[in-house]
Every structure is written in C-alpha cells, then in structure tokens.
Amino acid sequence: KDRTKPDQLSNIQIEIQRNIIQRLSVYTLGRLAMVSRFYYGLATPVQYKKDACDEPPRAILWAASCTATPDTKKIIKKVLDLAVVYGGNVNRIYPLIVSDKIATYTPLHLAAAKGNKTAAKKLLKLGADPNALGWEFFRDTLFSPSMASPVDPGTINLLHILSALPKEKFTKDASLLLYFRNLPQLINIPIMAGLTPLFLSIHRGNDILLKEIMTNGGNIEDVNYIGRTPLMQAIVCCCMKEDPEVRICYKGIISNMIECFNAKVGNLGDADVMETPLICIIKELPTPLPTDWKHRIQDIKEIIDLLLKHGADINEVSNAGFTMLHVL
C-alpha cells in the first residue's frame, strides 16, 4: 500500500476525526497513529497529554526501562521529548510494592538501574534531578515533602543505583564514572542500612568504581549498620569468596585502601566501629576448612601480613571488648 496517499480513515471529516481521537484510550491512539500516518499528527499530542494524566503515566517509564540498542536509541529520545512537551514529568515519583513494603523511584532511578544510558542522559537534559530521592519501605517524599532531604537515612539517589551495578557495566562504559565526579555531594549519603556508594561498590567487588569514589571524596572511614568500615567490609568479602580470582581482586582493593587512601588498620577511635580489621578476618575464617583451604588461608595470611605491616595490633581491644585472640 502507498503510505503517501490518504487512507479511508483519513477521509473522515476533521471534526469527526477529532471526536474519535478524544474518545480513544492511550493504547488505541498509539495503534491508530501506527495504522494511519495521516492520523499521526492529530493523535500524537492527544495521546501524550492523556498519558501524562494517567495513573501511572507510561511513556516516560517505558523509555526509562527500555533496552537501549542502535535501533531503539532514537525512539527512546523521541518518546521522552514528546512526553515532556505534552506535560510529562521526568521527576515524578512512582511507588513499587514488594512483599507489602513500599519503595519509591523516579524515571532516572529506573534508567540507571536498567543500565539505560541513553534514557538517563536524555532525562538529565530534560531536567531530571540527579538529587531526586527514592524511599525505602513506607517513606514517600510525595506524602512527606519536608523529609525529602538527600542526607536523610533511607534516601536512594542515582549514585546508589550505579554503585550496585556489576563491574562489567563500567568496563563497557567508562563514562558512567562521570556521575561520581559530577555529583560529589551525593557520594557519602547512606541508604537506610547505612550503606554508602563506597560500601555498595565493595559488595560488587568493583575496584574500578571504588577508586573513583575514593578519589572524589568517598569516606574511607565510614561505618555501616553493623559497625564495620569499608576496609573491614572488603576483608570480609575477600575471606568469604571461594573463587580465587575474586579473592585476588579483593586483595587489590584492600591493598589500595590501605596504601593509597590510608584506611585505618587499628586505633579507629569511633564508638560506632564494633570490630577491628584483624577480628573481621578471624570471624570469617571458613569452618570446616574447604578443600582448597591452602590457597584461601594463604590469601588470608597475606591480608594479615599487610595489616601488621601497617601497624595493626593483635592485642587491640575492639569497642565490643574483644581482641583478635579472644575471637580466635
């Protein structure tokens, strides 16, 4: 069929066409615009205006959650442009109910979580707030605007989501690191469990991101909800991992923290810190010993030697009242 010629739908009087468009749902309008190119110009504004008023609006969320490919990148950008032109809100907060608990997020959170760099960049250009907050459980900035501060416990921002991405994402796209350079004010903000972007990157074993965070002001002596510093958490992760290649990565992280960023190996002086790095090692010794225990113990020994070399004291008493020998 020649799509340059009017179809039968387009031959209807313009007043009737508009009346039809006003009565159709957003989904049907989209189908109509696809079927009849002569309806496209009339249907598109109405479609996006209706979508902006829907609960919930879908156009911006679709673009944020879409997988960006060479074929979809232009579509994602176009959908976001049209959505904003016709009343869409790129900073709208959406609820997510999981196991009877409510979490909230913005389209920018979703795009970052999906690794959709195309949508994330476009959303920022269209005015998405990188300081926008999501809330865990029953806290919602829509209902409690006075609590919507980026330093409140439980807030989730763009850097938290990026920090939780696999290391491979940063290997493939180093430009993701720019967010940590451009948003230093968010770099030490904890979520409800006390986890900052630095802690999240340690959980992922993401040495690339970890260096970026520490270089841009990440607090190497921060304390999580169980009283551990980032160095302690890296030690725990190293001791727990069975894969020798992963342990090598963590040993590099630990060495970098101590030798390049001066992470404290003892005498922490913070009442919230409940252990010492040496105690963390002893607590995480595998029992019973695994079949490859020689290699794992060798890795653990190297960490102990590194700590002792930099001044760790086996007789240091933790804030919980224990020494390394007590725990052993």
Protein backbone atom coordinates (compact mmCIF):
# COMPACT_ATOMS: atom_id res chain seq x y z
CA LYS A 1 0.00 0.00 0.00
CA ASP A 2 1.18 3.52 -0.84
CA ARG A 3 1.54 5.23 2.58
CA THR A 4 1.87 8.64 0.92
CA LYS A 5 -1.82 8.57 -0.04
CA PRO A 6 -4.67 9.18 2.42
CA ASP A 7 -6.29 6.02 3.78
CA GLN A 8 -10.03 5.58 4.35
CA LEU A 9 -9.77 6.70 7.99
CA SER A 10 -8.24 9.96 6.86
CA ASN A 11 -11.18 10.73 4.57
CA ILE A 12 -13.50 11.23 7.54
CA GLN A 13 -14.39 14.86 8.31
CA ILE A 14 -11.81 16.54 10.56
CA GLU A 15 -14.38 17.26 13.31
CA ILE A 16 -15.32 13.58 13.44
CA GLN A 17 -11.65 12.59 13.44
CA ARG A 18 -11.00 14.79 16.47
CA ASN A 19 -14.08 13.45 18.24
CA ILE A 20 -12.88 9.89 17.66
CA ILE A 21 -9.41 10.73 18.95
CA GLN A 22 -10.77 12.29 22.15
CA ARG A 23 -12.74 9.13 22.94
CA LEU A 24 -9.96 6.61 22.40
CA SER A 25 -7.64 5.24 25.08
CA VAL A 26 -3.92 6.00 25.03
CA TYR A 27 -3.16 2.47 23.83
CA THR A 28 -5.69 2.65 21.00
CA LEU A 29 -4.44 6.08 19.97
CA GLY A 30 -0.97 4.63 19.62
CA ARG A 31 -2.29 1.84 17.44
CA LEU A 32 -4.25 4.32 15.33
CA ALA A 33 -1.18 6.50 14.79
CA MET A 34 0.72 3.42 13.62
CA VAL A 35 -2.04 2.32 11.22
CA SER A 36 -2.81 5.70 9.70
CA ARG A 37 0.05 8.12 9.13
CA PHE A 38 -2.49 10.86 8.43
CA TYR A 39 -3.85 10.42 11.96
CA TYR A 40 -0.37 10.59 13.46
CA GLY A 41 -0.22 14.38 13.66
CA LEU A 42 -3.64 14.61 15.30
CA ALA A 43 -3.34 11.60 17.58
CA THR A 44 0.17 12.13 18.96
CA PRO A 45 -0.48 15.29 21.06
CA VAL A 46 -3.70 13.83 22.48
CA GLN A 47 -2.01 10.51 23.18
CA TYR A 48 0.82 12.05 25.20
CA LYS A 49 -1.45 14.53 27.01
CA LYS A 50 -3.70 11.66 28.10
CA ASP A 51 -0.69 9.61 29.14
CA ALA A 52 0.62 12.47 31.31
CA CYS A 53 -2.68 12.43 33.22
CA ASP A 54 -2.90 8.65 33.53
CA GLU A 55 -2.14 6.77 36.75
CA PRO A 56 0.59 5.93 36.25
CA PRO A 57 1.91 7.67 33.13
CA ARG A 58 3.60 5.11 30.92
CA ALA A 59 5.56 6.87 28.18
CA ILE A 60 8.46 8.13 30.30
CA LEU A 61 8.63 4.88 32.29
CA TRP A 62 8.70 2.86 29.07
CA ALA A 63 11.60 4.92 27.72
CA ALA A 64 13.49 4.64 31.03
CA SER A 65 13.05 0.87 31.24
CA CYS A 66 13.64 0.11 27.57
CA THR A 67 16.81 -1.68 26.48
CA ALA A 68 18.89 0.81 24.53
CA THR A 69 20.06 -0.64 21.21
CA PRO A 70 21.13 1.04 17.97
CA ASP A 71 17.52 0.58 16.79
CA THR A 72 15.80 1.93 19.92
CA LYS A 73 18.03 4.86 20.95
CA LYS A 74 16.29 7.36 18.64
CA ILE A 75 12.87 6.10 19.72
CA ILE A 76 13.75 6.46 23.42
CA LYS A 77 14.87 10.06 22.91
CA LYS A 78 11.83 10.92 20.80
CA VAL A 79 9.36 9.43 23.29
CA LEU A 80 10.96 11.37 26.15
CA ASP A 81 10.94 14.61 24.14
CA LEU A 82 7.26 14.22 23.22
CA ALA A 83 6.27 13.19 26.74
CA VAL A 84 7.82 16.34 28.23
CA VAL A 85 6.42 18.64 25.52
CA TYR A 86 2.90 17.42 26.31
CA GLY A 87 3.06 17.59 30.10
CA GLY A 88 5.08 14.59 31.25
CA ASN A 89 7.06 14.95 34.49
CA VAL A 90 10.58 13.48 34.46
CA ASN A 91 10.81 13.89 38.25
CA ARG A 92 7.58 12.11 39.11
CA ILE A 93 7.92 9.59 41.94
CA TYR A 94 6.45 6.14 41.35
CA PRO A 95 5.54 3.55 44.00
CA LEU A 96 6.82 -0.02 43.93
CA ILE A 97 5.21 -2.55 46.29
CA VAL A 98 7.34 -5.58 47.17
CA SER A 99 6.29 -8.02 49.91
CA ASP A 100 3.83 -5.50 51.39
CA LYS A 101 6.54 -2.82 51.61
CA ILE A 102 6.53 0.34 49.58
CA ALA A 103 9.60 1.67 47.82
CA THR A 104 9.60 4.68 45.50
CA TYR A 105 11.66 5.69 42.50
CA THR A 106 11.91 8.21 39.68
CA PRO A 107 12.44 7.52 35.94
CA LEU A 108 16.11 8.44 36.40
CA HIS A 109 16.47 5.75 39.09
CA LEU A 110 14.88 3.24 36.73
CA ALA A 111 17.07 4.17 33.77
CA ALA A 112 20.20 3.88 35.91
CA ALA A 113 19.11 0.53 37.36
CA LYS A 114 18.45 -0.80 33.86
CA GLY A 115 21.78 0.49 32.59
CA ASN A 116 19.87 2.60 30.06
CA LYS A 117 22.48 5.30 29.49
CA THR A 118 20.55 6.80 26.55
CA ALA A 119 17.47 7.45 28.68
CA ALA A 120 19.50 8.61 31.70
CA LYS A 121 21.37 11.23 29.64
CA LYS A 122 18.18 12.41 27.95
CA LEU A 123 16.29 12.61 31.25
CA LEU A 124 19.05 14.76 32.73
CA LYS A 125 18.93 17.07 29.69
CA LEU A 126 15.16 17.35 30.11
CA GLY A 127 15.51 18.42 33.73
CA ALA A 128 15.60 15.19 35.73
CA ASP A 129 17.00 15.96 39.16
CA PRO A 130 20.10 13.86 39.98
CA ASN A 131 19.36 14.60 43.65
CA ALA A 132 15.90 13.06 43.30
CA LEU A 133 15.16 10.68 46.12
CA GLY A 134 13.56 7.29 46.32
CA TRP A 135 12.44 5.95 49.68
CA GLU A 136 12.53 2.50 51.18
CA PHE A 137 9.51 0.99 52.94
CA PHE A 138 6.73 3.40 53.96
CA ARG A 139 8.52 6.71 53.49
CA ASP A 140 7.40 8.71 50.48
CA THR A 141 8.51 12.18 49.51
CA LEU A 142 5.10 12.80 47.97
CA PHE A 143 3.46 12.45 51.39
CA SER A 144 6.36 13.83 53.46
CA PRO A 145 7.97 16.61 51.41
CA SER A 146 9.61 18.09 54.50
CA MET A 147 11.59 14.86 54.89
CA ALA A 148 12.87 14.90 51.32
CA SER A 149 16.50 15.63 52.09
CA PRO A 150 19.41 13.82 50.43
CA VAL A 151 21.03 13.32 53.83
CA ASP A 152 18.05 11.60 55.46
CA PRO A 153 18.53 7.88 56.18
CA GLY A 154 16.78 5.76 53.62
CA THR A 155 17.10 8.05 50.63
CA ILE A 156 18.18 6.43 47.39
CA ASN A 157 19.87 8.55 44.76
CA LEU A 158 21.44 7.97 41.36
CA LEU A 159 24.87 7.08 42.76
CA HIS A 160 23.44 4.31 44.96
CA ILE A 161 21.89 2.64 41.93
CA LEU A 162 25.00 2.99 39.80
CA SER A 163 27.17 1.64 42.64
CA ALA A 164 25.04 -1.51 42.76
CA LEU A 165 25.61 -2.27 39.06
CA PRO A 166 28.03 -5.06 38.07
CA LYS A 167 31.63 -4.11 37.39
CA GLU A 168 31.15 -5.17 33.74
CA LYS A 169 28.87 -2.16 33.18
CA PHE A 170 31.75 0.19 33.99
CA THR A 171 34.22 -1.85 31.96
CA LYS A 172 31.99 -1.47 28.90
CA ASP A 173 31.06 2.16 29.55
CA ALA A 174 33.63 4.18 31.49
CA SER A 175 31.51 7.33 31.10
CA LEU A 176 29.33 6.07 33.98
CA LEU A 177 32.18 7.14 36.26
CA LEU A 178 31.50 10.77 35.33
CA TYR A 179 28.40 10.80 37.54
CA PHE A 180 30.63 10.26 40.58
CA ARG A 181 32.86 13.16 39.54
CA ASN A 182 29.96 15.47 38.77
CA LEU A 183 27.85 14.68 41.87
CA PRO A 184 30.33 14.70 44.77
CA GLN A 185 27.63 15.99 47.12
CA LEU A 186 25.91 12.59 46.91
CA ILE A 187 28.97 10.40 47.29
CA ASN A 188 28.75 9.81 51.07
CA ILE A 189 24.99 9.68 51.50
CA PRO A 190 23.85 6.41 53.13
CA ILE A 191 20.71 4.44 52.40
CA MET A 192 18.68 3.07 55.30
CA ALA A 193 21.13 0.25 56.11
CA GLY A 194 23.94 2.78 56.37
CA LEU A 195 25.38 1.73 53.03
CA THR A 196 27.06 4.47 51.03
CA PRO A 197 28.08 4.12 47.35
CA LEU A 198 31.51 3.03 48.63
CA PHE A 199 30.04 0.08 50.55
CA LEU A 200 27.86 -0.89 47.59
CA SER A 201 30.83 -0.91 45.22
CA ILE A 202 32.74 -3.14 47.68
CA HIS A 203 29.88 -5.64 47.73
CA ARG A 204 30.16 -5.78 43.94
CA GLY A 205 33.94 -6.14 44.02
CA ASN A 206 34.07 -3.16 41.68
CA ASP A 207 37.65 -1.96 42.09
CA ILE A 208 37.25 0.45 39.14
CA LEU A 209 34.37 2.33 40.75
CA LEU A 210 35.82 2.07 44.23
CA LYS A 211 38.92 4.03 43.21
CA GLU A 212 36.72 6.65 41.54
CA ILE A 213 34.59 7.06 44.66
CA MET A 214 37.57 7.39 47.00
CA THR A 215 39.31 9.82 44.64
CA ASN A 216 36.20 12.02 44.63
CA GLY A 217 35.75 12.23 48.39
CA GLY A 218 34.33 8.87 49.45
CA ASN A 219 34.71 8.48 53.22
CA ILE A 220 37.16 5.62 53.76
CA GLU A 221 36.31 5.57 57.48
CA ASP A 222 32.52 5.47 57.14
CA VAL A 223 30.65 2.96 59.30
CA ASN A 224 27.79 0.72 58.17
CA TYR A 225 24.84 -0.50 60.24
CA ILE A 226 26.77 -3.42 61.81
CA GLY A 227 29.75 -1.30 62.82
CA ARG A 228 32.20 -2.05 60.03
CA THR A 229 34.32 0.30 57.96
CA PRO A 230 34.76 -0.11 54.18
CA LEU A 231 38.15 -1.79 54.79
CA MET A 232 36.56 -4.31 57.14
CA GLN A 233 33.79 -5.00 54.63
CA ALA A 234 36.33 -5.61 51.86
CA ILE A 235 38.21 -8.02 54.15
CA VAL A 236 35.00 -9.91 54.95
CA CYS A 237 34.11 -10.18 51.26
CA CYS A 238 37.61 -11.46 50.42
CA CYS A 239 37.54 -14.12 53.15
CA MET A 240 34.08 -15.34 52.11
CA LYS A 241 34.70 -15.71 48.39
CA GLU A 242 35.51 -19.17 47.04
CA ASP A 243 36.68 -18.05 43.60
CA PRO A 244 40.46 -17.38 43.77
CA GLU A 245 40.22 -14.75 41.00
CA VAL A 246 37.65 -12.83 43.01
CA ARG A 247 39.86 -13.02 46.10
CA ILE A 248 42.76 -11.59 44.09
CA CYS A 249 40.53 -8.65 43.13
CA TYR A 250 39.58 -8.04 46.76
CA LYS A 251 43.20 -8.27 47.90
CA GLY A 252 43.96 -5.49 45.42
CA ILE A 253 41.07 -3.44 46.80
CA ILE A 254 42.30 -3.93 50.38
CA SER A 255 45.87 -3.03 49.48
CA ASN A 256 44.71 0.07 47.60
CA MET A 257 42.58 1.22 50.53
CA ILE A 258 45.47 0.93 52.97
CA GLU A 259 48.43 2.04 50.88
CA CYS A 260 46.83 4.69 48.64
CA PHE A 261 43.94 6.01 50.73
CA ASN A 262 45.30 5.47 54.26
CA ALA A 263 42.45 3.34 55.59
CA LYS A 264 42.94 2.80 59.31
CA VAL A 265 44.04 -0.70 60.34
CA GLY A 266 43.51 -0.06 64.05
CA ASN A 267 43.02 2.58 66.76
CA LEU A 268 39.85 3.61 64.99
CA GLY A 269 38.57 5.86 67.77
CA ASP A 270 34.95 5.72 66.56
CA ALA A 271 32.46 4.37 69.10
CA ASP A 272 30.26 3.04 66.29
CA VAL A 273 33.03 0.73 65.00
CA MET A 274 32.50 -2.60 66.75
CA GLU A 275 35.40 -4.66 65.38
CA THR A 276 38.96 -4.34 64.10
CA PRO A 277 40.17 -5.49 60.67
CA LEU A 278 42.05 -8.39 62.32
CA ILE A 279 38.94 -9.51 64.19
CA CYS A 280 36.95 -9.44 60.93
CA ILE A 281 39.44 -11.89 59.41
CA ILE A 282 39.18 -14.34 62.31
CA LYS A 283 35.38 -14.18 62.29
CA GLU A 284 35.26 -15.05 58.60
CA LEU A 285 37.68 -18.00 58.69
CA PRO A 286 35.78 -20.82 56.96
CA THR A 287 34.77 -23.73 59.21
CA PRO A 288 35.12 -26.50 58.42
CA LEU A 289 38.10 -25.76 56.21
CA PRO A 290 37.22 -26.09 52.50
CA THR A 291 39.00 -28.46 50.13
CA ASP A 292 41.09 -25.59 48.74
CA TRP A 293 41.91 -24.32 52.22
CA LYS A 294 45.64 -23.91 51.49
CA HIS A 295 45.02 -21.26 48.84
CA ARG A 296 42.37 -19.44 50.87
CA ILE A 297 44.49 -19.46 54.02
CA GLN A 298 47.43 -18.12 52.01
CA ASP A 299 45.26 -15.23 50.80
CA ILE A 300 44.10 -14.55 54.37
CA LYS A 301 47.70 -14.68 55.61
CA GLU A 302 48.69 -12.07 53.04
CA ILE A 303 45.97 -9.74 54.32
CA ILE A 304 47.07 -10.26 57.94
CA ASP A 305 50.68 -9.55 56.98
CA LEU A 306 49.60 -6.37 55.19
CA LEU A 307 47.64 -5.19 58.23
CA LEU A 308 50.52 -5.92 60.61
CA LYS A 309 52.97 -4.19 58.28
CA HIS A 310 50.88 -1.03 58.50
CA GLY A 311 50.57 -1.07 62.28
CA ALA A 312 47.67 -3.37 63.20
CA ASP A 313 47.94 -4.64 66.79
CA ILE A 314 46.86 -8.21 67.60
CA ASN A 315 46.24 -7.10 71.20
CA GLU A 316 43.99 -4.18 70.31
CA VAL A 317 40.66 -4.33 72.14
CA SER A 318 37.61 -3.61 69.99
CA ASN A 319 34.71 -1.46 71.16
CA ALA A 320 32.86 -4.72 71.78
CA GLY A 321 35.56 -5.66 74.31
CA PHE A 322 37.41 -8.36 72.36
CA THR A 323 40.89 -8.84 70.95
CA MET A 324 41.81 -10.94 67.94
CA LEU A 325 42.89 -13.78 70.28
CA HIS A 326 39.56 -13.70 72.15
CA VAL A 327 37.68 -14.24 68.91
CA LEU A 328 40.11 -16.93 67.77
